[in-house]
Amino acid sequence: MAVAAAANSNMITAFSADRLSGLERLLLPNTLHTLLFSLLRNS
């Protein structure tokens, strides 16, 4: 779980630095974490 979170964080950071505004950088990680958690719980 920690490894997945770290990889996800790196991916978010790279994506954010390239494409997103400051506000979206705050919101996107929370959104992705919620989606990831939902997928894991439902599988």
Protein backbone atom coordinates (compact mmCIF):
# COMPACT_ATOMS: atom_id res chain seq x y z
CA MET A 1 0.00 0.00 0.00
CA ALA A 2 2.79 2.42 0.91
CA VAL A 3 4.62 1.57 -2.30
CA ALA A 4 1.51 2.24 -4.37
CA ALA A 5 0.97 5.53 -2.56
CA ALA A 6 4.57 6.59 -3.19
CA ALA A 7 4.37 5.71 -6.89
CA ASN A 8 1.04 7.51 -7.12
CA SER A 9 2.50 10.57 -5.40
CA ASN A 10 5.40 10.71 -7.85
CA MET A 11 3.04 10.39 -10.80
CA ILE A 12 0.78 13.13 -9.40
CA THR A 13 3.78 15.40 -8.81
CA ALA A 14 5.06 14.99 -12.36
CA PHE A 15 1.59 15.50 -13.81
CA SER A 16 0.82 18.47 -11.58
CA ALA A 17 4.05 20.29 -12.32
CA ASP A 18 3.31 20.02 -16.02
CA ARG A 19 -0.41 20.62 -16.35
CA LEU A 20 -2.24 21.81 -13.26
CA SER A 21 -2.83 25.00 -11.31
CA GLY A 22 -2.10 25.31 -7.61
CA LEU A 23 -5.70 24.66 -6.59
CA GLU A 24 -5.93 21.56 -8.75
CA ARG A 25 -2.67 20.31 -7.25
CA LEU A 26 -4.36 20.35 -3.86
CA LEU A 27 -7.56 18.68 -5.04
CA LEU A 28 -6.29 16.06 -7.47
CA PRO A 29 -4.33 13.89 -5.00
CA ASN A 30 -7.37 13.68 -2.72
CA THR A 31 -9.62 12.77 -5.63
CA LEU A 32 -7.27 10.07 -6.90
CA HIS A 33 -6.79 8.69 -3.40
CA THR A 34 -10.56 8.44 -2.97
CA LEU A 35 -10.96 6.69 -6.32
CA LEU A 36 -8.09 4.31 -5.58
CA PHE A 37 -9.50 3.46 -2.17
CA SER A 38 -12.94 2.82 -3.69
CA LEU A 39 -11.47 0.49 -6.31
CA LEU A 40 -9.46 -1.43 -3.73
CA ARG A 41 -12.42 -1.78 -1.41
CA ASN A 42 -14.75 -2.95 -4.17
CA SER A 43 -12.37 -5.49 -5.71
